[in-house]
Protein backbone atom coordinates (compact mmCIF):
# COMPACT_ATOMS: atom_id res chain seq x y z
CA MET A 1 48.68 78.57 -1.29
CA SER A 2 48.44 78.84 -5.08
CA ASP A 3 49.45 76.03 -7.43
CA TYR A 4 52.55 78.06 -8.36
CA ASP A 5 53.73 78.01 -4.74
CA ARG A 6 53.59 74.24 -4.58
CA GLU A 7 56.23 71.88 -5.91
CA ALA A 8 55.22 69.54 -8.70
CA VAL A 9 55.39 66.53 -6.34
CA ASP A 10 52.73 68.14 -4.19
CA ARG A 11 50.28 68.00 -7.07
CA LEU A 12 50.69 64.31 -7.84
CA ALA A 13 47.60 62.17 -7.84
CA PHE A 14 48.78 60.05 -4.87
CA CYS A 15 50.10 62.91 -2.84
CA THR A 16 48.28 63.83 0.34
CA PRO A 17 48.84 66.53 2.96
CA GLU A 18 49.83 63.80 5.41
CA LYS A 19 52.53 62.44 3.05
CA SER A 20 53.92 65.88 2.22
CA GLU A 21 54.21 66.65 5.92
CA ARG A 22 56.64 63.76 6.21
CA TYR A 23 59.28 65.59 4.22
CA ARG A 24 58.67 69.21 5.21
CA THR A 25 62.21 70.56 5.66
CA GLU A 26 61.46 72.82 8.58
CA ASN A 27 60.33 69.82 10.65
CA TYR A 28 63.90 68.41 10.65
CA THR A 29 66.04 70.99 12.38
CA GLY A 30 67.65 68.33 14.59
CA ALA A 31 70.02 69.45 17.35
CA VAL A 32 70.86 72.84 15.82
CA GLY A 33 68.83 75.54 17.47
CA LEU A 34 68.57 73.80 20.85
CA ASN A 35 70.36 75.04 23.96
CA TRP A 36 72.69 72.10 24.39
CA TYR A 37 73.03 72.57 28.13
CA ARG A 38 69.34 73.18 28.95
CA SER A 39 68.21 70.37 26.70
CA ASP A 40 70.62 67.87 28.36
CA PRO A 41 69.37 66.64 31.75
CA SER A 42 72.18 64.08 31.88
CA LEU A 43 74.84 66.77 31.81
CA GLN A 44 72.92 68.83 34.37
CA PHE A 45 72.84 65.76 36.56
CA ILE A 46 76.62 65.30 36.26
CA MET A 47 77.27 68.91 37.23
CA ALA A 48 75.02 68.63 40.26
CA TYR A 49 76.75 65.35 41.16
CA TYR A 50 80.15 66.96 41.30
CA LEU A 51 79.67 70.62 42.21
CA GLN A 52 78.49 72.01 45.53
CA PRO A 53 75.19 73.89 45.19
CA ASP A 54 76.76 77.36 45.50
CA ALA A 55 79.38 76.55 42.84
CA LEU A 56 76.73 75.08 40.58
CA ALA A 57 74.62 78.20 40.91
CA VAL A 58 77.58 80.29 39.61
CA ALA A 59 78.55 77.92 36.81
CA GLU A 60 75.11 77.05 35.37
CA PRO A 61 74.29 80.49 33.86
CA HIS A 62 77.61 80.41 32.02
CA LEU A 63 76.99 76.82 30.85
CA SER A 64 73.52 77.77 29.68
CA SER A 65 74.99 80.62 27.64
CA ILE A 66 77.63 78.30 26.20
CA GLY A 67 74.93 75.70 25.42
CA GLU A 68 73.02 78.35 23.47
CA LEU A 69 76.25 79.34 21.62
CA MET A 70 77.26 75.82 20.75
CA GLY A 71 73.80 74.75 19.65
CA GLY A 72 73.44 77.82 17.49
CA PRO A 73 76.24 79.85 15.90
CA VAL A 74 79.12 77.45 16.62
CA ALA A 75 77.28 74.44 15.17
CA ARG A 76 76.43 76.43 12.01
CA TRP A 77 79.97 77.78 11.68
CA ALA A 78 81.26 74.21 12.01
CA GLU A 79 79.25 73.10 9.00
CA GLU A 80 80.51 76.05 6.99
CA THR A 81 84.16 75.34 7.92
CA ASP A 82 83.77 71.67 7.04
CA ARG A 83 82.67 72.71 3.56
CA ASN A 84 85.37 75.40 3.25
CA PRO A 85 88.35 74.18 5.32
CA PRO A 86 91.66 76.00 5.95
CA ARG A 87 94.05 76.20 3.03
CA LEU A 88 97.85 76.55 2.87
CA GLU A 89 99.49 79.55 1.27
CA ARG A 90 102.96 78.19 0.82
CA TYR A 91 104.77 81.01 -1.00
CA ASP A 92 104.50 84.77 -1.21
CA ARG A 93 104.48 86.77 -4.47
CA TRP A 94 108.30 86.55 -4.71
CA GLY A 95 108.44 82.86 -4.09
CA HIS A 96 109.51 83.01 -0.44
CA ASP A 97 108.30 80.14 1.72
CA VAL A 98 105.85 81.78 4.14
CA SER A 99 103.94 78.58 5.16
CA ARG A 100 100.83 80.52 6.02
CA VAL A 101 97.56 78.82 6.89
CA VAL A 102 94.53 80.81 5.68
CA GLN A 103 91.56 80.18 7.92
CA PRO A 104 87.96 80.68 6.70
CA ALA A 105 85.93 83.40 8.33
CA SER A 106 83.62 80.82 9.90
CA PHE A 107 86.56 79.24 11.81
CA LYS A 108 87.89 82.61 13.02
CA GLN A 109 84.43 83.74 14.19
CA SER A 110 83.83 80.44 15.99
CA LYS A 111 87.26 80.43 17.67
CA ARG A 112 86.83 83.95 18.97
CA ALA A 113 83.34 83.24 20.28
CA VAL A 114 84.41 80.02 22.02
CA LEU A 115 87.48 81.62 23.64
CA ASP A 116 85.41 84.59 24.86
CA ALA A 117 82.73 82.32 26.32
CA ASN A 118 85.28 80.11 28.08
CA GLN A 119 87.10 83.18 29.48
CA ALA A 120 83.83 84.54 30.85
CA LEU A 121 83.15 81.18 32.51
CA LYS A 122 86.65 81.06 34.03
CA ASP A 123 86.49 84.65 35.26
CA GLY A 124 82.98 84.31 36.71
CA VAL A 125 83.70 81.05 38.56
CA ARG A 126 87.05 82.22 39.89
CA GLN A 127 85.69 85.56 41.05
CA ALA A 128 83.07 83.63 43.02
CA GLY A 129 85.89 81.70 44.73
CA PHE A 130 85.48 78.36 42.99
CA ASN A 131 87.64 76.16 40.76
CA PRO A 132 86.61 76.44 37.07
CA THR A 133 88.19 73.15 35.96
CA LEU A 134 85.04 71.01 35.94
CA PRO A 135 82.73 73.64 34.40
CA LEU A 136 85.34 74.15 31.69
CA PHE A 137 85.40 70.40 31.09
CA ALA A 138 81.60 70.53 30.64
CA ALA A 139 81.94 73.54 28.32
CA ASN A 140 84.42 71.53 26.19
CA TYR A 141 81.90 68.67 26.08
CA LEU A 142 79.34 71.07 24.65
CA LEU A 143 81.84 72.34 22.06
CA ASN A 144 82.74 68.79 21.05
CA GLN A 145 79.13 68.20 20.04
CA ALA A 146 79.55 70.96 17.46
CA ASP A 147 83.12 70.58 16.27
CA ILE A 148 85.88 68.41 17.71
CA GLY A 149 88.24 69.90 15.18
CA MET A 150 87.83 73.27 16.90
CA SER A 151 88.33 71.60 20.25
CA CYS A 152 91.58 70.10 18.92
CA ALA A 153 92.80 73.45 17.59
CA LEU A 154 92.10 75.16 20.91
CA GLY A 155 93.32 72.46 23.24
CA THR A 156 96.28 70.70 21.59
CA GLY A 157 99.11 70.68 24.06
CA GLY A 158 98.42 73.98 25.83
CA GLY A 159 98.71 72.65 29.38
CA MET A 160 101.69 70.50 28.39
CA VAL A 161 103.55 73.48 26.86
CA LYS A 162 103.04 75.59 29.97
CA SER A 163 104.15 72.81 32.29
CA LEU A 164 107.30 71.98 30.37
CA VAL A 165 108.22 75.61 29.72
CA ALA A 166 107.76 76.55 33.35
CA ALA A 167 109.95 73.66 34.50
CA TYR A 168 112.78 73.59 31.92
CA ALA A 169 112.90 76.53 29.45
CA PRO A 170 115.63 79.20 29.69
CA ALA A 171 114.56 82.20 31.80
CA ASP A 172 114.08 84.63 28.93
CA VAL A 173 112.16 82.12 26.86
CA ARG A 174 110.08 81.06 29.83
CA GLU A 175 109.04 84.63 30.65
CA HIS A 176 108.21 85.39 27.05
CA VAL A 177 106.13 82.28 26.47
CA LEU A 178 104.24 82.35 29.75
CA ALA A 179 103.47 86.04 29.30
CA LYS A 180 101.94 85.25 25.89
CA PHE A 181 99.71 82.59 27.43
CA ALA A 182 98.79 84.82 30.37
CA SER A 183 97.66 87.57 27.98
CA GLY A 184 95.52 85.10 25.99
CA GLU A 185 97.43 85.84 22.77
CA TRP A 186 98.56 82.23 22.39
CA GLU A 187 95.36 80.60 23.56
CA GLY A 188 94.74 77.80 21.05
CA GLU A 189 98.11 78.37 19.33
CA THR A 190 99.94 75.27 20.53
CA ALA A 191 100.67 71.84 19.11
CA GLN A 192 102.70 68.75 19.92
CA LEU A 193 104.74 67.31 17.09
CA LEU A 194 105.48 63.65 17.66
CA THR A 195 104.68 61.49 14.66
CA GLU A 196 107.07 60.72 11.81
CA ARG A 197 106.94 58.52 8.75
CA THR A 198 109.49 56.11 10.19
CA GLY A 199 107.47 54.86 13.10
CA GLY A 200 104.00 56.35 13.63
CA SER A 201 103.32 55.37 17.23
CA ASP A 202 106.87 53.91 17.49
CA LEU A 203 108.31 57.23 18.69
CA GLY A 204 111.67 55.71 19.55
CA ALA A 205 112.32 55.35 15.82
CA LEU A 206 112.03 59.08 15.03
CA GLU A 207 114.71 60.81 12.97
CA THR A 208 114.43 64.52 13.77
CA THR A 209 117.85 65.61 15.02
CA ALA A 210 118.84 68.40 17.40
CA THR A 211 122.30 70.02 17.30
CA ARG A 212 123.68 72.38 19.96
CA HIS A 213 123.84 76.03 18.98
CA GLY A 214 124.97 78.26 21.84
CA ASP A 215 122.40 78.12 24.62
CA ALA A 216 119.82 76.76 22.14
CA TRP A 217 119.59 73.93 19.61
CA LEU A 218 118.90 73.66 15.92
CA LEU A 219 116.31 71.15 14.80
CA ASN A 220 116.25 69.44 11.45
CA GLY A 221 113.67 66.82 10.47
CA PHE A 222 110.21 66.10 9.20
CA LYS A 223 107.02 65.59 11.22
CA TRP A 224 104.43 63.64 9.33
CA PHE A 225 101.28 64.68 11.23
CA ALA A 226 100.89 67.93 13.13
CA SER A 227 97.34 68.35 14.35
CA ASN A 228 97.45 72.14 14.66
CA CYS A 229 100.26 73.29 12.39
CA ASP A 230 98.87 76.82 12.36
CA GLY A 231 100.10 77.30 15.95
CA GLN A 232 102.75 79.66 17.24
CA VAL A 233 104.39 77.33 19.77
CA PHE A 234 105.22 73.63 19.50
CA VAL A 235 106.54 70.84 21.72
CA VAL A 236 108.63 68.63 19.47
CA LEU A 237 110.23 65.26 20.01
CA ALA A 238 113.75 64.99 18.60
CA LYS A 239 117.02 63.19 19.28
CA PRO A 240 120.05 65.34 20.21
CA GLU A 241 123.29 64.42 18.53
CA GLY A 242 125.20 62.04 20.72
CA ALA A 243 122.04 60.48 22.19
CA PRO A 244 121.23 56.79 21.59
CA ASP A 245 119.04 55.94 18.62
CA SER A 246 116.29 54.58 20.80
CA SER A 247 113.48 55.78 23.04
CA ARG A 248 116.09 56.75 25.65
CA GLY A 249 117.51 59.23 23.13
CA VAL A 250 114.25 61.11 22.65
CA ALA A 251 114.00 64.57 24.20
CA ASN A 252 111.39 67.33 24.29
CA PHE A 253 112.11 70.63 22.60
CA LEU A 254 110.24 73.90 22.50
CA VAL A 255 110.00 75.52 19.04
CA LEU A 256 108.47 78.95 18.43
CA ARG A 257 107.27 80.25 15.10
CA THR A 258 109.54 83.26 15.53
CA ARG A 259 113.16 83.19 16.76
CA ARG A 260 114.30 85.21 19.76
CA ASP A 261 115.84 87.80 17.41
CA GLY A 262 112.48 88.40 15.80
CA SER A 263 113.22 86.61 12.53
CA ARG A 264 111.08 83.82 11.13
CA ASN A 265 112.07 80.41 12.49
CA GLY A 266 112.90 77.43 10.26
CA VAL A 267 109.41 75.95 10.43
CA ARG A 268 108.02 74.93 7.02
CA ILE A 269 104.57 73.58 6.35
CA ARG A 270 104.94 71.24 3.40
CA ARG A 271 101.24 70.58 2.94
CA LEU A 272 97.94 70.29 4.76
CA LYS A 273 96.49 66.80 5.08
CA ASP A 274 93.47 65.89 2.97
CA LYS A 275 91.63 64.34 5.87
CA LEU A 276 88.51 62.22 6.23
CA GLY A 277 87.16 64.50 8.95
CA THR A 278 88.01 67.19 11.56
CA ARG A 279 88.67 69.51 8.64
CA SER A 280 88.42 72.62 10.78
CA VAL A 281 91.78 71.98 12.45
CA ALA A 282 94.71 72.59 10.10
CA SER A 283 96.64 69.32 10.20
CA GLY A 284 99.72 69.07 8.09
CA GLU A 285 103.32 68.06 7.52
CA ILE A 286 106.00 70.24 9.11
CA GLU A 287 109.66 70.36 8.18
CA PHE A 288 112.28 71.84 10.46
CA VAL A 289 115.24 73.50 8.76
CA ASP A 290 117.75 74.74 11.33
CA ALA A 291 114.81 75.69 13.55
CA GLU A 292 115.79 77.38 16.81
CA ALA A 293 114.68 75.13 19.69
CA PHE A 294 115.09 74.87 23.45
CA LEU A 295 115.62 71.66 25.38
CA LEU A 296 112.85 70.91 27.83
CA SER A 297 114.73 68.49 30.09
CA GLY A 298 116.58 68.07 33.34
CA GLU A 299 120.31 67.48 33.85
CA PRO A 300 122.09 65.18 31.37
CA SER A 301 122.23 61.52 32.10
CA GLY A 302 125.23 59.25 31.65
CA GLU A 303 123.79 58.04 28.32
CA GLY A 304 123.55 61.32 26.47
CA PRO A 305 123.14 65.10 26.47
CA HIS A 306 119.80 65.09 28.37
CA ASP A 307 118.15 63.19 31.19
CA GLY A 308 116.77 60.41 28.99
CA LYS A 309 113.24 60.92 30.24
CA GLY A 310 111.81 62.89 27.34
CA LEU A 311 109.52 60.24 25.96
CA GLY A 312 108.37 59.14 29.42
CA ARG A 313 107.69 62.76 30.37
CA MET A 314 105.65 63.25 27.19
CA MET A 315 103.64 60.09 27.86
CA GLU A 316 102.80 61.24 31.37
CA LEU A 317 101.51 64.57 30.04
CA THR A 318 99.72 62.69 27.25
CA ASN A 319 97.33 61.05 29.78
CA SER A 320 95.44 64.30 30.34
CA ALA A 321 95.31 64.80 26.54
CA ARG A 322 93.84 61.27 26.20
CA LEU A 323 91.03 62.20 28.55
CA GLY A 324 90.33 65.16 26.35
CA ILE A 325 90.17 62.87 23.28
CA ALA A 326 87.73 60.64 25.16
CA LEU A 327 85.62 63.72 25.81
CA PHE A 328 85.75 64.44 22.06
CA ALA A 329 84.24 60.98 21.50
CA VAL A 330 81.51 61.47 24.13
CA GLY A 331 80.64 64.72 22.39
CA ASN A 332 80.37 62.85 19.08
CA ALA A 333 78.21 60.22 20.72
CA ARG A 334 75.92 62.75 22.41
CA ARG A 335 75.37 64.67 19.17
CA ALA A 336 74.62 61.39 17.37
CA LEU A 337 72.05 60.51 20.07
CA VAL A 338 70.29 63.93 19.92
CA GLU A 339 70.13 63.90 16.14
CA SER A 340 68.70 60.38 16.24
CA LEU A 341 66.05 61.25 18.82
CA CYS A 342 65.06 64.39 16.94
CA TYR A 343 64.80 62.55 13.63
CA ALA A 344 62.95 59.52 15.06
CA ARG A 345 60.36 61.83 16.67
CA GLN A 346 59.60 63.53 13.38
CA ARG A 347 59.96 60.84 10.74
CA GLN A 348 56.71 59.03 9.91
CA ALA A 349 56.79 55.57 8.32
CA PHE A 350 54.66 52.39 8.39
CA GLY A 351 51.77 54.08 10.05
CA GLY A 352 53.49 56.01 12.82
CA ALA A 353 56.55 57.84 14.08
CA LEU A 354 59.84 55.96 14.05
CA ILE A 355 60.29 56.54 17.74
CA ASP A 356 57.22 54.41 18.42
CA LYS A 357 58.66 51.35 16.71
CA PRO A 358 59.99 48.73 19.19
CA LEU A 359 63.24 48.08 17.30
CA ILE A 360 64.02 51.81 17.09
CA ARG A 361 63.23 52.15 20.79
CA ARG A 362 65.63 49.27 21.56
CA LYS A 363 68.43 51.01 19.65
CA LEU A 364 67.75 54.45 21.14
CA ALA A 365 67.63 53.01 24.68
CA GLU A 366 71.01 51.41 24.15
CA MET A 367 72.38 54.67 22.83
CA ILE A 368 71.13 56.58 25.85
CA VAL A 369 72.66 54.09 28.28
CA ASP A 370 75.99 54.08 26.43
CA VAL A 371 76.28 57.85 26.31
CA GLU A 372 75.60 58.23 30.04
CA ALA A 373 78.02 55.43 30.89
CA ALA A 374 80.69 57.17 28.77
CA LEU A 375 79.93 60.50 30.46
CA ALA A 376 80.39 58.87 33.86
CA LEU A 377 83.78 57.47 32.80
CA THR A 378 85.18 60.67 31.40
CA PHE A 379 84.12 62.91 34.28
CA ASP A 380 85.47 60.36 36.79
CA GLY A 381 88.73 60.44 34.86
CA THR A 382 89.24 64.09 35.90
CA GLY A 383 89.89 62.92 39.45
CA SER A 384 87.16 65.21 40.82
CA VAL A 385 85.34 64.22 44.00
CA ASN A 386 81.57 63.84 43.96
CA HIS A 387 78.87 64.03 46.61
CA ARG A 388 78.70 60.31 47.05
CA GLN A 389 82.43 59.71 47.17
CA PRO A 390 84.36 62.61 48.84
CA LYS A 391 87.80 61.37 47.89
CA ALA A 392 89.45 60.88 44.50
CA VAL A 393 91.91 58.11 43.66
CA PRO A 394 94.60 58.95 41.10
CA GLN A 395 94.06 56.81 38.02
CA ARG A 396 97.15 55.77 36.07
CA ILE A 397 95.36 53.28 33.81
CA ALA A 398 91.78 54.48 34.10
CA VAL A 399 92.30 57.12 31.40
CA PRO A 400 93.68 54.79 28.70
CA VAL A 401 90.93 52.31 29.57
CA THR A 402 88.34 55.08 29.28
CA LYS A 403 89.71 56.27 25.97
CA LEU A 404 89.70 52.74 24.54
CA LYS A 405 86.10 52.18 25.47
CA VAL A 406 84.68 55.60 24.73
CA CYS A 407 86.40 56.42 21.42
CA ARG A 408 85.13 53.23 19.83
CA LEU A 409 81.65 54.16 21.06
CA GLY A 410 81.82 57.54 19.26
CA ILE A 411 82.21 55.67 15.93
CA THR A 412 79.43 53.13 16.56
CA MET A 413 77.01 55.85 17.74
CA ALA A 414 77.64 57.94 14.64
CA SER A 415 77.08 54.85 12.50
CA ASP A 416 73.85 54.11 14.38
CA ALA A 417 72.66 57.68 13.80
CA ILE A 418 73.24 57.30 10.09
CA GLU A 419 71.25 54.09 10.04
CA ILE A 420 68.38 55.69 11.95
CA HIS A 421 68.35 58.48 9.37
CA GLY A 422 68.42 55.94 6.55
CA GLY A 423 69.67 57.11 3.19
CA ASN A 424 69.41 60.72 4.42
CA GLY A 425 72.06 60.00 6.98
CA TYR A 426 74.58 59.13 4.28
CA ILE A 427 74.18 62.51 2.63
CA GLU A 428 76.59 65.29 3.62
CA ASN A 429 74.00 68.05 3.91
CA TRP A 430 72.29 66.12 6.70
CA PRO A 431 74.04 66.43 10.08
CA VAL A 432 75.27 62.95 10.84
CA ALA A 433 77.63 62.05 8.01
CA ARG A 434 80.22 64.48 9.36
CA LEU A 435 79.86 62.93 12.82
CA LEU A 436 81.10 59.61 11.51
CA ARG A 437 83.94 61.22 9.57
CA ASP A 438 85.03 63.12 12.67
CA ALA A 439 84.56 60.30 15.16
CA GLN A 440 87.03 57.95 13.49
CA VAL A 441 90.07 60.04 14.37
CA ASN A 442 89.47 59.76 18.12
CA THR A 443 90.71 56.18 18.10
CA ILE A 444 93.97 57.43 16.55
CA TRP A 445 94.77 60.72 18.33
CA GLU A 446 96.99 60.15 21.38
CA GLY A 447 97.25 56.44 20.76
CA PRO A 448 95.03 53.80 19.08
CA ASP A 449 93.62 50.81 20.94
CA ASN A 450 96.75 48.74 20.81
CA ILE A 451 98.96 51.52 22.13
CA LEU A 452 96.50 52.09 24.95
CA CYS A 453 96.62 48.40 25.78
CA LEU A 454 100.40 48.51 25.99
CA ASP A 455 100.11 51.51 28.32
CA VAL A 456 97.78 49.48 30.54
CA ARG A 457 100.38 46.74 30.64
CA ARG A 458 103.14 49.16 31.60
CA GLY A 459 100.95 50.55 34.39
CA ILE A 460 100.28 47.08 35.80
CA GLU A 461 103.83 45.80 35.51
CA ARG A 462 105.76 48.86 36.60
CA SER A 463 103.61 50.47 39.28
CA GLU A 464 100.73 48.11 40.17
CA ALA A 465 98.42 50.76 38.69
CA HIS A 466 95.50 48.37 38.57
CA GLN A 467 95.25 48.48 42.39
CA PRO A 468 94.02 52.16 42.54
CA LEU A 469 91.48 51.31 39.83
CA LEU A 470 90.22 48.33 41.73
CA GLU A 471 90.08 50.49 44.87
CA ARG A 472 87.99 53.09 43.03
CA LEU A 473 85.56 50.42 41.82
CA ARG A 474 85.18 48.95 45.31
CA ASP A 475 84.66 52.42 46.77
CA ALA A 476 81.87 52.97 44.19
CA VAL A 477 79.96 49.86 45.08
CA SER A 478 80.53 50.44 48.79
CA VAL A 479 78.36 53.59 48.63
CA SER A 480 75.90 52.11 46.12
CA ASP A 481 72.55 50.68 46.99
CA ASP A 482 72.61 47.04 48.11
CA ASP A 483 70.48 45.82 45.22
CA ALA A 484 70.97 42.97 42.70
CA THR A 485 72.68 45.25 40.18
CA THR A 486 75.31 46.41 42.68
CA GLN A 487 75.84 42.88 43.90
CA LEU A 488 76.51 41.69 40.37
CA VAL A 489 78.95 44.57 39.74
CA SER A 490 80.74 43.73 42.98
CA ARG A 491 81.20 40.14 41.83
CA ARG A 492 82.51 41.36 38.49
CA ILE A 493 85.08 43.54 40.34
CA ASP A 494 86.33 40.36 42.03
CA ASP A 495 86.35 38.63 38.66
CA LEU A 496 88.35 41.49 37.17
CA ASP A 497 90.88 41.27 40.00
CA ALA A 498 91.21 37.52 39.33
CA ALA A 499 91.53 38.12 35.59
CA ILE A 500 94.41 40.52 36.11
CA THR A 501 96.15 38.00 38.37
CA ALA A 502 95.63 35.26 35.78
CA TRP A 503 96.82 37.50 32.92
CA ARG A 504 100.11 38.23 34.75
CA LYS A 505 100.95 34.52 34.65
CA LEU A 506 100.61 34.22 30.86
CA ASP A 507 103.59 33.99 28.52
CA GLY A 508 104.70 37.29 26.94
CA SER A 509 103.14 37.02 23.46
CA VAL A 510 99.90 35.48 24.74
CA ALA A 511 99.66 38.08 27.46
CA GLU A 512 100.09 40.90 24.97
CA ALA A 513 97.44 39.40 22.67
CA ARG A 514 94.97 39.27 25.59
CA LEU A 515 95.48 42.87 26.63
CA PHE A 516 92.57 44.15 24.53
CA ALA A 517 90.09 41.80 26.22
CA LEU A 518 91.53 42.73 29.65
CA ALA A 519 91.22 46.46 28.98
CA GLN A 520 87.67 46.04 27.71
CA PHE A 521 86.80 44.08 30.86
CA MET A 522 88.23 46.93 32.95
CA GLY A 523 86.17 49.54 31.09
CA ASP A 524 82.94 47.57 31.32
CA VAL A 525 83.21 47.03 35.07
CA TYR A 526 84.43 50.57 35.67
CA ALA A 527 81.38 52.08 33.97
CA GLY A 528 78.99 49.73 35.74
CA ALA A 529 80.37 50.63 39.13
CA LEU A 530 80.11 54.36 38.44
CA LEU A 531 76.51 54.06 37.32
CA THR A 532 75.53 52.23 40.50
CA GLU A 533 77.26 54.96 42.53
CA GLN A 534 75.36 57.67 40.66
CA ALA A 535 72.11 55.78 41.07
CA ALA A 536 72.47 55.68 44.83
CA TRP A 537 73.09 59.47 44.98
CA GLU A 538 70.10 60.17 42.75
CA ARG A 539 67.82 58.08 44.94
CA ALA A 540 69.13 59.63 48.14
CA THR A 541 69.00 63.19 46.78
CA PHE A 542 65.94 63.27 44.55
CA GLY A 543 64.03 60.11 45.40
CA THR A 544 64.05 59.01 41.80
CA ASP A 545 65.50 55.88 40.14
CA ARG A 546 66.30 56.68 36.52
CA LYS A 547 70.04 56.12 37.01
CA ALA A 548 69.24 52.82 38.70
CA LEU A 549 67.34 51.85 35.56
CA LEU A 550 70.36 52.88 33.47
CA ALA A 551 72.69 50.86 35.68
CA ARG A 552 70.45 47.77 35.39
CA LEU A 553 70.27 48.03 31.61
CA TYR A 554 74.00 48.60 31.34
CA VAL A 555 74.86 45.66 33.60
CA GLN A 556 72.45 43.35 31.78
CA ARG A 557 74.09 44.20 28.53
CA TYR A 558 77.79 44.22 29.47
CA LEU A 559 78.30 42.31 32.70
CA ALA A 560 75.49 39.71 33.05
CA ASP A 561 75.61 36.17 31.70
CA PRO A 562 72.96 36.14 28.96
CA GLY A 563 72.53 32.39 29.21
CA PRO A 564 72.36 29.81 26.43
CA LEU A 565 69.38 31.51 24.80
CA ARG A 566 71.08 34.92 24.73
CA GLY A 567 68.27 36.42 26.81
CA VAL A 568 65.72 35.95 24.02
CA ASP A 569 63.47 34.01 26.44
CA ILE A 570 63.25 36.80 29.03
CA GLU A 571 59.72 38.08 29.33
CA GLY A 572 59.20 41.84 29.35
CA ASP A 573 61.65 44.56 28.52
CA GLU A 574 62.31 47.32 30.96
CA ALA A 575 63.92 49.52 28.32
CA LEU A 576 60.65 49.51 26.40
CA GLU A 577 58.43 49.74 29.43
CA ARG A 578 60.29 52.80 30.75
CA PHE A 579 61.40 54.26 27.47
CA ASP A 580 59.83 57.64 28.20
CA ASP A 581 61.82 57.87 31.45
CA LEU A 582 65.02 57.13 29.53
CA VAL A 583 64.36 59.72 26.88
CA GLY A 584 63.04 62.33 29.29
CA GLY A 585 66.35 62.19 31.23
CA ALA A 586 68.35 62.43 28.01
CA LEU A 587 66.77 65.20 25.95
CA VAL A 588 64.34 68.01 26.65
CA THR A 589 63.31 70.06 23.58
CA ASP A 590 60.39 72.09 24.86
């Protein structure tokens, strides 16, 4: 290398080859370029834990291909889209309101690649005679590590739209809409429009009004936040004229971008939101001006022109969406972990690699445990059976509890990753700043913490929904190893049961204020029970004990009494002693 090929800094008197190696750009590729399925033993474990061997053999080649796609082109396209997000073309050359969202080429390429890969996975698994739901859930987890904005654009309300349309839409509309979905034309073209300026989460306060018009309705109103306003089909909350101005008056309506007669519908995009993160999904404000709409409801009730169950119906369907948001957050957390491990392995400081420093190892060990606990919660929330527990218990409140716990984790993990990267982490052309910007929205989408807590209260008070959760926890420890960790988790399940009983005796305002602590308690015990269950299966199947180590570390941190000295006096540290086992089961880069 000639002097002209070297930067000036490389010729400084105090520069050495060892120092310059510390900041060689090609050493810091991070997660991009890895196969995100093959490099993730924890996800491979989860798939083996749930799928029968013959189903796993069919799904894994597809997941490996998707892992290569997400860790390569999709991750790179996501960075490009974040720098060049969608823009709104409001008017055409003659001043007509066309409300057209112009997507960057990076978004369109990524969307097409993701849809094609998911379709290949679905087709391959179905043709082999298996259910593709769980493999698709894993594929979405891989996508979330690259771009939760893309996940939002592809997943917002699709299942909800199909369910409501199939049950309630007029025959001609139903056939048209379901045919569009069946052909794949409207895949990723849906959105649910709930939020208004008047109330935010207080959906009973909305103002959008529906007026009868033949066999359809006309909607007029203003939605303050539409997550995917570039869609072709929307489920919209509105109040029909004559309905009460309360939550009982809220009904679900189907609105298409184009009217039945082929003309453009009265759907106007006022502006796109200038968001902190998730810039790849075109979020904006939508105004309805005599928009043709179709009531998605049963027979009228005595209180108005519909059955009065619109908001409740939407909330029931929202539970599955909440699990998807929790999966967004786990994807954020996983990407933050991988970027942190990759950086800590490469970065040299104070005489050695960062990853060899005890304080960094402590933090990375906590991150590994938290990600795998969150992964256990979200996959259990699907209701799928596993090899250790061959029955699934429907979870009314497990999903909001999971979202509450996991979405907050996505933020703290992204923040930890920035800290591990130091000043570099705060810079946008490093990979972790966007993770923090994106992660913050997960606590808001489909209900922030307080709304989730209120949903937990409704579940307990109206349907004793805590009982199936407690049953699930007791089932988990019943098939776990009879070790000290499982015994402690079992005691905490009893404590949780007692806490719920005590909470129900509190006065209204005090009870509501304590909901957050109660929901956190539920999430902590839930995750601990699932980790002990997984540990028992791992030991029985593979003869190894890494999950048991994870369970112990998790329980020590979240469920054990640290004592008056906060555990500072405890000799030895299993997380440090077995750090290589923790990392080896979290990330493989060779």
